Amino acid sequence: MTEQVPQGVDPHIPNAARMYDYFLGGKNNFKADRDLADLVLSVMPEVTVGARENRALIGRVVRYLCEQGITQFLDLGSGLPAVENVHEVAYRHAADARVVYVDNDPVVAAHGRAMLADPDRVAIVLGDIRRPEEILKDPEVRGLLDFDRPVAVLMMFILHLIPDEDDPQGSVAAYRDALAPGSYLALSHGTNDVATERVMKVSEFYKRANASFTPRPGREIGAFFGDFELIPPGLATGPGMPWPFTDPDHPLFMDEEMTRMAYAGIGRKP
């Protein structure tokens, strides 16, 4: 069966967002995406578990933030729509929640807009999160989010798709600086602290895709929070850390498979 290709999309170039969709068991992907994703899985089969755990993690993080009184969410690098999207979770826990998704992939934006039924409360913006000044000034972003009040910025499994030469630390700092006190930054990020050889093979595979994969050590991932106060227990990963496995109700609870490949954390602006 011939795959339907949206105008302006090259189906022969693997796309990181569509590969992630494939890892999640989705259908919004092409043969090139699946072929490269299968190469990744041949080296690191736990990626599928990690992708699904990350989706579950997003839901727990959003629930936790709503419980802290947050009603505004900026989801950067949101990816293709999946189950338990940010606005769906937020609406269950905060009736007045507002959500803006940002992604640089036109296919992601098109799919997102097709599923959004409440433009007064949720929007998807086509933009490059490496250009925070453009995102923060965008009329749709400003139309839904009031940056004079606390906002939660979500950067879930996206920063490792930004290479060092694009200065991800500087971009994240710009978002932090734009937030009011009481705002939050939540992120998850692939690491090369463990399984280094396999992780670097995955990085080599991603050079064939539209986005690189740059896993980072925990000290660099922790630096993304700047002077934000990390919610206990801080930057979480690893089988040696007891709480992710003993407290499944904690917002950062992760399956042990996930912790072999990623860090996660939530920080609050003082």
C-alpha atoms as a PDB file:
ATOM      1  CA  MET A   1       0.000   0.000   0.000  1.00  0.00           C
ATOM      2  CA  THR A   2       1.338   3.429  -0.960  1.00  0.00           C
ATOM      3  CA  GLU A   3       1.948   5.713   2.003  1.00  0.00           C
ATOM      4  CA  GLN A   4       0.334   9.136   1.885  1.00  0.00           C
ATOM      5  CA  VAL A   5       3.011  11.827   2.105  1.00  0.00           C
ATOM      6  CA  PRO A   6       2.067  15.388   3.128  1.00  0.00           C
ATOM      7  CA  GLN A   7       3.188  18.141   0.787  1.00  0.00           C
ATOM      8  CA  GLY A   8       6.696  19.397   1.541  1.00  0.00           C
ATOM      9  CA  VAL A   9       7.715  16.256   3.462  1.00  0.00           C
ATOM     10  CA  ASP A  10      10.574  14.055   2.257  1.00  0.00           C
ATOM     11  CA  PRO A  11       9.636  10.517   3.355  1.00  0.00           C
ATOM     12  CA  HIS A  12      13.141   9.272   2.571  1.00  0.00           C
ATOM     13  CA  ILE A  13      14.782  11.270   5.365  1.00  0.00           C
ATOM     14  CA  PRO A  14      14.177   9.667   8.774  1.00  0.00           C
ATOM     15  CA  ASN A  15      12.455  12.056  11.137  1.00  0.00           C
ATOM     16  CA  ALA A  16      13.118  11.970  14.892  1.00  0.00           C
ATOM     17  CA  ALA A  17       9.494  12.781  15.800  1.00  0.00           C
ATOM     18  CA  ARG A  18       8.141  10.055  13.522  1.00  0.00           C
ATOM     19  CA  MET A  19      10.723   7.585  14.853  1.00  0.00           C
ATOM     20  CA  TYR A  20       9.514   8.385  18.365  1.00  0.00           C
ATOM     21  CA  ASP A  21       5.962   7.779  17.174  1.00  0.00           C
ATOM     22  CA  TYR A  22       7.092   4.372  15.895  1.00  0.00           C
ATOM     23  CA  PHE A  23       8.742   3.563  19.242  1.00  0.00           C
ATOM     24  CA  LEU A  24       5.377   4.338  20.857  1.00  0.00           C
ATOM     25  CA  GLY A  25       3.585   1.979  18.489  1.00  0.00           C
ATOM     26  CA  GLY A  26       2.039   4.792  16.431  1.00  0.00           C
ATOM     27  CA  LYS A  27       1.237   4.842  12.729  1.00  0.00           C
ATOM     28  CA  ASN A  28       2.361   8.356  11.774  1.00  0.00           C
ATOM     29  CA  ASN A  29       5.673   7.264  10.274  1.00  0.00           C
ATOM     30  CA  PHE A  30       7.236   6.179   6.989  1.00  0.00           C
ATOM     31  CA  LYS A  31       9.466   3.290   5.927  1.00  0.00           C
ATOM     32  CA  ALA A  32      12.646   5.358   6.320  1.00  0.00           C
ATOM     33  CA  ASP A  33      11.637   6.210   9.893  1.00  0.00           C
ATOM     34  CA  ARG A  34      10.896   2.587  10.725  1.00  0.00           C
ATOM     35  CA  ASP A  35      14.097   1.299   9.139  1.00  0.00           C
ATOM     36  CA  LEU A  36      16.310   3.651  11.146  1.00  0.00           C
ATOM     37  CA  ALA A  37      14.259   3.108  14.300  1.00  0.00           C
ATOM     38  CA  ASP A  38      14.751  -0.641  13.901  1.00  0.00           C
ATOM     39  CA  LEU A  39      18.505  -0.078  13.711  1.00  0.00           C
ATOM     40  CA  VAL A  40      18.317   1.831  16.980  1.00  0.00           C
ATOM     41  CA  LEU A  41      16.307  -0.986  18.527  1.00  0.00           C
ATOM     42  CA  SER A  42      18.824  -3.550  17.365  1.00  0.00           C
ATOM     43  CA  VAL A  43      21.374  -1.871  19.617  1.00  0.00           C
ATOM     44  CA  MET A  44      19.111  -0.616  22.388  1.00  0.00           C
ATOM     45  CA  PRO A  45      15.798  -2.521  22.465  1.00  0.00           C
ATOM     46  CA  GLU A  46      14.757  -0.843  25.718  1.00  0.00           C
ATOM     47  CA  VAL A  47      14.101   2.374  23.770  1.00  0.00           C
ATOM     48  CA  THR A  48      10.487   1.301  23.250  1.00  0.00           C
ATOM     49  CA  VAL A  49      10.020   0.903  26.994  1.00  0.00           C
ATOM     50  CA  GLY A  50      11.747   4.230  27.546  1.00  0.00           C
ATOM     51  CA  ALA A  51       9.511   6.038  25.060  1.00  0.00           C
ATOM     52  CA  ARG A  52       6.362   4.675  26.691  1.00  0.00           C
ATOM     53  CA  GLU A  53       7.658   5.434  30.165  1.00  0.00           C
ATOM     54  CA  ASN A  54       8.379   8.986  29.058  1.00  0.00           C
ATOM     55  CA  ARG A  55       4.774   9.399  27.911  1.00  0.00           C
ATOM     56  CA  ALA A  56       3.579   8.137  31.279  1.00  0.00           C
ATOM     57  CA  LEU A  57       6.096  10.413  32.999  1.00  0.00           C
ATOM     58  CA  ILE A  58       4.681  13.448  31.181  1.00  0.00           C
ATOM     59  CA  GLY A  59       1.232  12.671  32.529  1.00  0.00           C
ATOM     60  CA  ARG A  60       2.491  12.367  36.099  1.00  0.00           C
ATOM     61  CA  VAL A  61       4.501  15.577  35.811  1.00  0.00           C
ATOM     62  CA  VAL A  62       1.484  17.504  34.510  1.00  0.00           C
ATOM     63  CA  ARG A  63      -0.709  16.128  37.276  1.00  0.00           C
ATOM     64  CA  TYR A  64       1.874  17.111  39.889  1.00  0.00           C
ATOM     65  CA  LEU A  65       2.201  20.632  38.474  1.00  0.00           C
ATOM     66  CA  CYS A  66      -1.567  21.079  38.456  1.00  0.00           C
ATOM     67  CA  GLU A  67      -1.592  20.040  42.109  1.00  0.00           C
ATOM     68  CA  GLN A  68       0.905  22.846  42.764  1.00  0.00           C
ATOM     69  CA  GLY A  69      -1.552  25.342  41.281  1.00  0.00           C
ATOM     70  CA  ILE A  70      -0.084  25.560  37.765  1.00  0.00           C
ATOM     71  CA  THR A  71      -2.646  26.154  35.027  1.00  0.00           C
ATOM     72  CA  GLN A  72      -0.362  27.299  32.182  1.00  0.00           C
ATOM     73  CA  PHE A  73       1.850  24.932  30.184  1.00  0.00           C
ATOM     74  CA  LEU A  74       4.358  25.528  27.392  1.00  0.00           C
ATOM     75  CA  ASP A  75       5.289  22.155  25.891  1.00  0.00           C
ATOM     76  CA  LEU A  76       8.458  22.603  23.823  1.00  0.00           C
ATOM     77  CA  GLY A  77       9.253  19.961  21.217  1.00  0.00           C
ATOM     78  CA  SER A  78       5.902  18.334  21.808  1.00  0.00           C
ATOM     79  CA  GLY A  79       6.135  15.748  19.025  1.00  0.00           C
ATOM     80  CA  LEU A  80       3.261  13.958  17.339  1.00  0.00           C
ATOM     81  CA  PRO A  81      -0.007  13.649  19.281  1.00  0.00           C
ATOM     82  CA  ALA A  82      -0.233  10.493  21.375  1.00  0.00           C
ATOM     83  CA  VAL A  83      -2.297   9.149  24.246  1.00  0.00           C
ATOM     84  CA  GLU A  84      -2.572  11.284  27.371  1.00  0.00           C
ATOM     85  CA  ASN A  85      -1.458  14.541  25.794  1.00  0.00           C
ATOM     86  CA  VAL A  86      -0.582  17.437  28.074  1.00  0.00           C
ATOM     87  CA  HIS A  87      -3.863  19.308  27.618  1.00  0.00           C
ATOM     88  CA  GLU A  88      -5.906  16.154  28.213  1.00  0.00           C
ATOM     89  CA  VAL A  89      -4.166  15.463  31.512  1.00  0.00           C
ATOM     90  CA  ALA A  90      -4.207  19.123  32.553  1.00  0.00           C
ATOM     91  CA  TYR A  91      -7.933  19.497  31.910  1.00  0.00           C
ATOM     92  CA  ARG A  92      -8.682  16.640  34.281  1.00  0.00           C
ATOM     93  CA  HIS A  93      -6.831  18.328  37.129  1.00  0.00           C
ATOM     94  CA  ALA A  94      -7.269  22.049  36.377  1.00  0.00           C
ATOM     95  CA  ALA A  95     -10.490  23.112  34.684  1.00  0.00           C
ATOM     96  CA  ASP A  96      -8.991  26.443  33.587  1.00  0.00           C
ATOM     97  CA  ALA A  97      -5.716  25.022  32.213  1.00  0.00           C
ATOM     98  CA  ARG A  98      -4.170  26.478  29.066  1.00  0.00           C
ATOM     99  CA  VAL A  99      -1.596  24.679  26.946  1.00  0.00           C
ATOM    100  CA  VAL A 100       0.637  25.726  24.055  1.00  0.00           C
ATOM    101  CA  TYR A 101       2.539  23.062  22.128  1.00  0.00           C
ATOM    102  CA  VAL A 102       5.606  24.038  20.078  1.00  0.00           C
ATOM    103  CA  ASP A 103       7.304  21.912  17.430  1.00  0.00           C
ATOM    104  CA  ASN A 104       9.398  22.662  14.344  1.00  0.00           C
ATOM    105  CA  ASP A 105       7.944  19.844  12.256  1.00  0.00           C
ATOM    106  CA  PRO A 106       5.090  20.876   9.896  1.00  0.00           C
ATOM    107  CA  VAL A 107       3.647  17.352  10.054  1.00  0.00           C
ATOM    108  CA  VAL A 108       3.529  17.528  13.848  1.00  0.00           C
ATOM    109  CA  ALA A 109       1.830  20.923  13.669  1.00  0.00           C
ATOM    110  CA  ALA A 110      -0.717  19.704  11.121  1.00  0.00           C
ATOM    111  CA  HIS A 111      -1.600  16.594  13.144  1.00  0.00           C
ATOM    112  CA  GLY A 112      -1.792  18.650  16.322  1.00  0.00           C
ATOM    113  CA  ARG A 113      -4.087  21.282  14.889  1.00  0.00           C
ATOM    114  CA  ALA A 114      -6.371  18.595  13.495  1.00  0.00           C
ATOM    115  CA  MET A 115      -6.910  17.158  16.982  1.00  0.00           C
ATOM    116  CA  LEU A 116      -7.351  20.432  18.863  1.00  0.00           C
ATOM    117  CA  ALA A 117     -10.968  21.349  19.390  1.00  0.00           C
ATOM    118  CA  ASP A 118     -10.663  24.238  21.870  1.00  0.00           C
ATOM    119  CA  PRO A 119      -8.549  27.096  20.418  1.00  0.00           C
ATOM    120  CA  ASP A 120      -9.404  29.286  23.397  1.00  0.00           C
ATOM    121  CA  ARG A 121      -7.476  26.962  25.699  1.00  0.00           C
ATOM    122  CA  VAL A 122      -4.933  25.061  23.631  1.00  0.00           C
ATOM    123  CA  ALA A 123      -2.797  25.809  20.578  1.00  0.00           C
ATOM    124  CA  ILE A 124       0.088  24.347  18.609  1.00  0.00           C
ATOM    125  CA  VAL A 125       2.746  26.677  17.261  1.00  0.00           C
ATOM    126  CA  LEU A 126       5.157  25.842  14.446  1.00  0.00           C
ATOM    127  CA  GLY A 127       8.484  27.121  15.698  1.00  0.00           C
ATOM    128  CA  ASP A 128      12.079  26.315  16.558  1.00  0.00           C
ATOM    129  CA  ILE A 129      12.654  26.025  20.301  1.00  0.00           C
ATOM    130  CA  ARG A 130      16.299  26.973  19.712  1.00  0.00           C
ATOM    131  CA  ARG A 131      14.979  30.491  19.053  1.00  0.00           C
ATOM    132  CA  PRO A 132      13.382  31.304  22.394  1.00  0.00           C
ATOM    133  CA  GLU A 133      12.930  34.988  21.603  1.00  0.00           C
ATOM    134  CA  GLU A 134      10.673  34.058  18.672  1.00  0.00           C
ATOM    135  CA  ILE A 135       8.680  31.516  20.654  1.00  0.00           C
ATOM    136  CA  LEU A 136       8.220  33.827  23.630  1.00  0.00           C
ATOM    137  CA  LYS A 137       6.989  36.677  21.397  1.00  0.00           C
ATOM    138  CA  ASP A 138       4.729  34.522  19.251  1.00  0.00           C
ATOM    139  CA  PRO A 139       1.160  35.945  19.196  1.00  0.00           C
ATOM    140  CA  GLU A 140      -0.440  32.543  19.801  1.00  0.00           C
ATOM    141  CA  VAL A 141       1.849  31.858  22.751  1.00  0.00           C
ATOM    142  CA  ARG A 142       1.200  35.289  24.235  1.00  0.00           C
ATOM    143  CA  GLY A 143      -2.502  35.009  23.471  1.00  0.00           C
ATOM    144  CA  LEU A 144      -2.907  31.958  25.683  1.00  0.00           C
ATOM    145  CA  LEU A 145      -0.168  32.268  28.303  1.00  0.00           C
ATOM    146  CA  ASP A 146       0.366  35.114  30.770  1.00  0.00           C
ATOM    147  CA  PHE A 147       4.058  35.218  31.635  1.00  0.00           C
ATOM    148  CA  ASP A 148       3.402  37.553  34.540  1.00  0.00           C
ATOM    149  CA  ARG A 149       1.967  34.485  36.271  1.00  0.00           C
ATOM    150  CA  PRO A 150       3.587  31.065  36.830  1.00  0.00           C
ATOM    151  CA  VAL A 151       4.028  28.913  33.737  1.00  0.00           C
ATOM    152  CA  ALA A 152       5.323  25.346  33.499  1.00  0.00           C
ATOM    153  CA  VAL A 153       7.790  24.792  30.667  1.00  0.00           C
ATOM    154  CA  LEU A 154       8.048  21.154  29.581  1.00  0.00           C
ATOM    155  CA  MET A 155      11.122  19.937  27.702  1.00  0.00           C
ATOM    156  CA  MET A 156      10.541  16.209  27.722  1.00  0.00           C
ATOM    157  CA  PHE A 157      12.976  14.103  25.685  1.00  0.00           C
ATOM    158  CA  ILE A 158      13.776  17.010  23.383  1.00  0.00           C
ATOM    159  CA  LEU A 159      17.022  18.633  24.538  1.00  0.00           C
ATOM    160  CA  HIS A 160      19.119  15.628  23.500  1.00  0.00           C
ATOM    161  CA  LEU A 161      17.993  16.340  19.920  1.00  0.00           C
ATOM    162  CA  ILE A 162      19.776  19.720  20.085  1.00  0.00           C
ATOM    163  CA  PRO A 163      23.550  19.515  19.515  1.00  0.00           C
ATOM    164  CA  ASP A 164      25.992  21.454  21.661  1.00  0.00           C
ATOM    165  CA  GLU A 165      26.869  23.809  18.809  1.00  0.00           C
ATOM    166  CA  ASP A 166      23.298  25.135  18.904  1.00  0.00           C
ATOM    167  CA  ASP A 167      23.798  26.193  22.545  1.00  0.00           C
ATOM    168  CA  PRO A 168      20.904  24.397  24.255  1.00  0.00           C
ATOM    169  CA  GLN A 169      22.059  25.748  27.634  1.00  0.00           C
ATOM    170  CA  GLY A 170      21.623  29.307  26.362  1.00  0.00           C
ATOM    171  CA  SER A 171      18.190  28.552  24.934  1.00  0.00           C
ATOM    172  CA  VAL A 172      16.934  26.980  28.149  1.00  0.00           C
ATOM    173  CA  ALA A 173      18.329  29.911  30.159  1.00  0.00           C
ATOM    174  CA  ALA A 174      16.306  32.300  27.996  1.00  0.00           C
ATOM    175  CA  TYR A 175      13.103  30.412  28.779  1.00  0.00           C
ATOM    176  CA  ARG A 176      13.960  30.342  32.494  1.00  0.00           C
ATOM    177  CA  ASP A 177      14.606  34.095  32.509  1.00  0.00           C
ATOM    178  CA  ALA A 178      11.215  34.784  30.911  1.00  0.00           C
ATOM    179  CA  LEU A 179       9.289  32.986  33.655  1.00  0.00           C
ATOM    180  CA  ALA A 180       7.672  34.524  36.714  1.00  0.00           C
ATOM    181  CA  PRO A 181       8.614  33.340  40.219  1.00  0.00           C
ATOM    182  CA  GLY A 182       6.753  30.155  41.098  1.00  0.00           C
ATOM    183  CA  SER A 183       7.114  28.820  37.547  1.00  0.00           C
ATOM    184  CA  TYR A 184       8.479  25.360  36.812  1.00  0.00           C
ATOM    185  CA  LEU A 185      10.811  23.675  34.339  1.00  0.00           C
ATOM    186  CA  ALA A 186      10.374  19.938  33.791  1.00  0.00           C
ATOM    187  CA  LEU A 187      12.677  17.931  31.553  1.00  0.00           C
ATOM    188  CA  SER A 188      13.785  14.419  30.672  1.00  0.00           C
ATOM    189  CA  HIS A 189      16.989  13.786  28.767  1.00  0.00           C
ATOM    190  CA  GLY A 190      18.934  10.836  27.406  1.00  0.00           C
ATOM    191  CA  THR A 191      22.279  10.190  29.068  1.00  0.00           C
ATOM    192  CA  ASN A 192      25.593   8.546  28.220  1.00  0.00           C
ATOM    193  CA  ASP A 193      26.523   7.966  31.871  1.00  0.00           C
ATOM    194  CA  VAL A 194      25.718   4.282  31.405  1.00  0.00           C
ATOM    195  CA  ALA A 195      25.794   1.885  28.442  1.00  0.00           C
ATOM    196  CA  THR A 196      28.111   4.421  26.831  1.00  0.00           C
ATOM    197  CA  GLU A 197      29.160   2.307  23.856  1.00  0.00           C
ATOM    198  CA  ARG A 198      25.598   1.415  22.889  1.00  0.00           C
ATOM    199  CA  VAL A 199      24.410   4.984  23.379  1.00  0.00           C
ATOM    200  CA  MET A 200      27.132   6.299  21.098  1.00  0.00           C
ATOM    201  CA  LYS A 201      26.121   3.780  18.413  1.00  0.00           C
ATOM    202  CA  VAL A 202      22.585   5.156  18.622  1.00  0.00           C
ATOM    203  CA  SER A 203      24.023   8.654  18.233  1.00  0.00           C
ATOM    204  CA  GLU A 204      25.761   7.539  15.047  1.00  0.00           C
ATOM    205  CA  PHE A 205      22.483   6.179  13.670  1.00  0.00           C
ATOM    206  CA  TYR A 206      20.710   9.478  14.314  1.00  0.00           C
ATOM    207  CA  LYS A 207      23.160  11.264  12.028  1.00  0.00           C
ATOM    208  CA  ARG A 208      21.057   9.822   9.196  1.00  0.00           C
ATOM    209  CA  ALA A 209      17.921  11.515  10.567  1.00  0.00           C
ATOM    210  CA  ASN A 210      16.717  15.110  10.496  1.00  0.00           C
ATOM    211  CA  ALA A 211      17.953  15.667  14.047  1.00  0.00           C
ATOM    212  CA  SER A 212      21.046  14.513  15.882  1.00  0.00           C
ATOM    213  CA  PHE A 213      21.018  12.634  19.179  1.00  0.00           C
ATOM    214  CA  THR A 214      23.284  14.147  21.819  1.00  0.00           C
ATOM    215  CA  PRO A 215      23.121  12.233  25.100  1.00  0.00           C
ATOM    216  CA  ARG A 216      24.718  14.111  27.994  1.00  0.00           C
ATOM    217  CA  PRO A 217      26.154  13.285  31.411  1.00  0.00           C
ATOM    218  CA  GLY A 218      24.083  14.057  34.466  1.00  0.00           C
ATOM    219  CA  ARG A 219      26.136  17.132  35.430  1.00  0.00           C
ATOM    220  CA  GLU A 220      25.324  18.795  32.096  1.00  0.00           C
ATOM    221  CA  ILE A 221      21.659  17.857  32.286  1.00  0.00           C
ATOM    222  CA  GLY A 222      21.427  19.254  35.815  1.00  0.00           C
ATOM    223  CA  ALA A 223      22.876  22.557  34.578  1.00  0.00           C
ATOM    224  CA  PHE A 224      19.749  23.143  32.473  1.00  0.00           C
ATOM    225  CA  PHE A 225      17.914  24.024  35.695  1.00  0.00           C
ATOM    226  CA  GLY A 226      20.197  26.961  36.514  1.00  0.00           C
ATOM    227  CA  ASP A 227      19.203  28.411  39.885  1.00  0.00           C
ATOM    228  CA  PHE A 228      15.796  26.731  39.913  1.00  0.00           C
ATOM    229  CA  GLU A 229      15.106  24.700  43.054  1.00  0.00           C
ATOM    230  CA  LEU A 230      14.924  21.012  42.158  1.00  0.00           C
ATOM    231  CA  ILE A 231      11.911  19.197  43.545  1.00  0.00           C
ATOM    232  CA  PRO A 232      13.111  16.288  45.748  1.00  0.00           C
ATOM    233  CA  PRO A 233      14.791  13.978  45.064  1.00  0.00           C
ATOM    234  CA  GLY A 234      16.386  16.142  42.391  1.00  0.00           C
ATOM    235  CA  LEU A 235      17.691  14.888  39.075  1.00  0.00           C
ATOM    236  CA  ALA A 236      16.607  11.257  39.032  1.00  0.00           C
ATOM    237  CA  THR A 237      18.069   8.208  37.374  1.00  0.00           C
ATOM    238  CA  GLY A 238      19.695   4.868  38.025  1.00  0.00           C
ATOM    239  CA  PRO A 239      18.957   1.611  39.785  1.00  0.00           C
ATOM    240  CA  GLY A 240      20.919   2.860  42.807  1.00  0.00           C
ATOM    241  CA  MET A 241      18.318   5.520  43.526  1.00  0.00           C
ATOM    242  CA  PRO A 242      15.600   3.908  45.642  1.00  0.00           C
ATOM    243  CA  TRP A 243      12.610   6.192  45.331  1.00  0.00           C
ATOM    244  CA  PRO A 244      11.736   5.900  41.636  1.00  0.00           C
ATOM    245  CA  PHE A 245      10.933   2.235  42.156  1.00  0.00           C
ATOM    246  CA  THR A 246       9.320   2.323  45.604  1.00  0.00           C
ATOM    247  CA  ASP A 247       6.921   5.238  45.094  1.00  0.00           C
ATOM    248  CA  PRO A 248       4.888   4.785  41.893  1.00  0.00           C
ATOM    249  CA  ASP A 249       2.718   7.785  42.812  1.00  0.00           C
ATOM    250  CA  HIS A 250       5.670  10.155  42.673  1.00  0.00           C
ATOM    251  CA  PRO A 251       5.534  12.314  39.501  1.00  0.00           C
ATOM    252  CA  LEU A 252       9.003  11.209  38.469  1.00  0.00           C
ATOM    253  CA  PHE A 253       8.490   7.493  39.013  1.00  0.00           C
ATOM    254  CA  MET A 254      10.145   5.581  36.157  1.00  0.00           C
ATOM    255  CA  ASP A 255      10.388   1.948  35.223  1.00  0.00           C
ATOM    256  CA  GLU A 256      13.880   0.547  35.854  1.00  0.00           C
ATOM    257  CA  GLU A 257      14.390   0.073  32.097  1.00  0.00           C
ATOM    258  CA  MET A 258      13.888   3.808  31.615  1.00  0.00           C
ATOM    259  CA  THR A 259      16.425   4.792  34.224  1.00  0.00           C
ATOM    260  CA  ARG A 260      19.232   3.106  32.349  1.00  0.00           C
ATOM    261  CA  MET A 261      18.963   5.689  29.604  1.00  0.00           C
ATOM    262  CA  ALA A 262      17.639   8.981  30.971  1.00  0.00           C
ATOM    263  CA  TYR A 263      17.491  11.586  33.684  1.00  0.00           C
ATOM    264  CA  ALA A 264      14.380  13.509  34.691  1.00  0.00           C
ATOM    265  CA  GLY A 265      13.736  16.428  37.004  1.00  0.00           C
ATOM    266  CA  ILE A 266      11.390  19.262  37.926  1.00  0.00           C
ATOM    267  CA  GLY A 267      12.692  22.650  39.052  1.00  0.00           C
ATOM    268  CA  ARG A 268      10.840  25.618  40.557  1.00  0.00           C
ATOM    269  CA  LYS A 269      11.811  29.236  40.062  1.00  0.00           C
ATOM    270  CA  PRO A 270      12.298  30.944  43.443  1.00  0.00           C
END
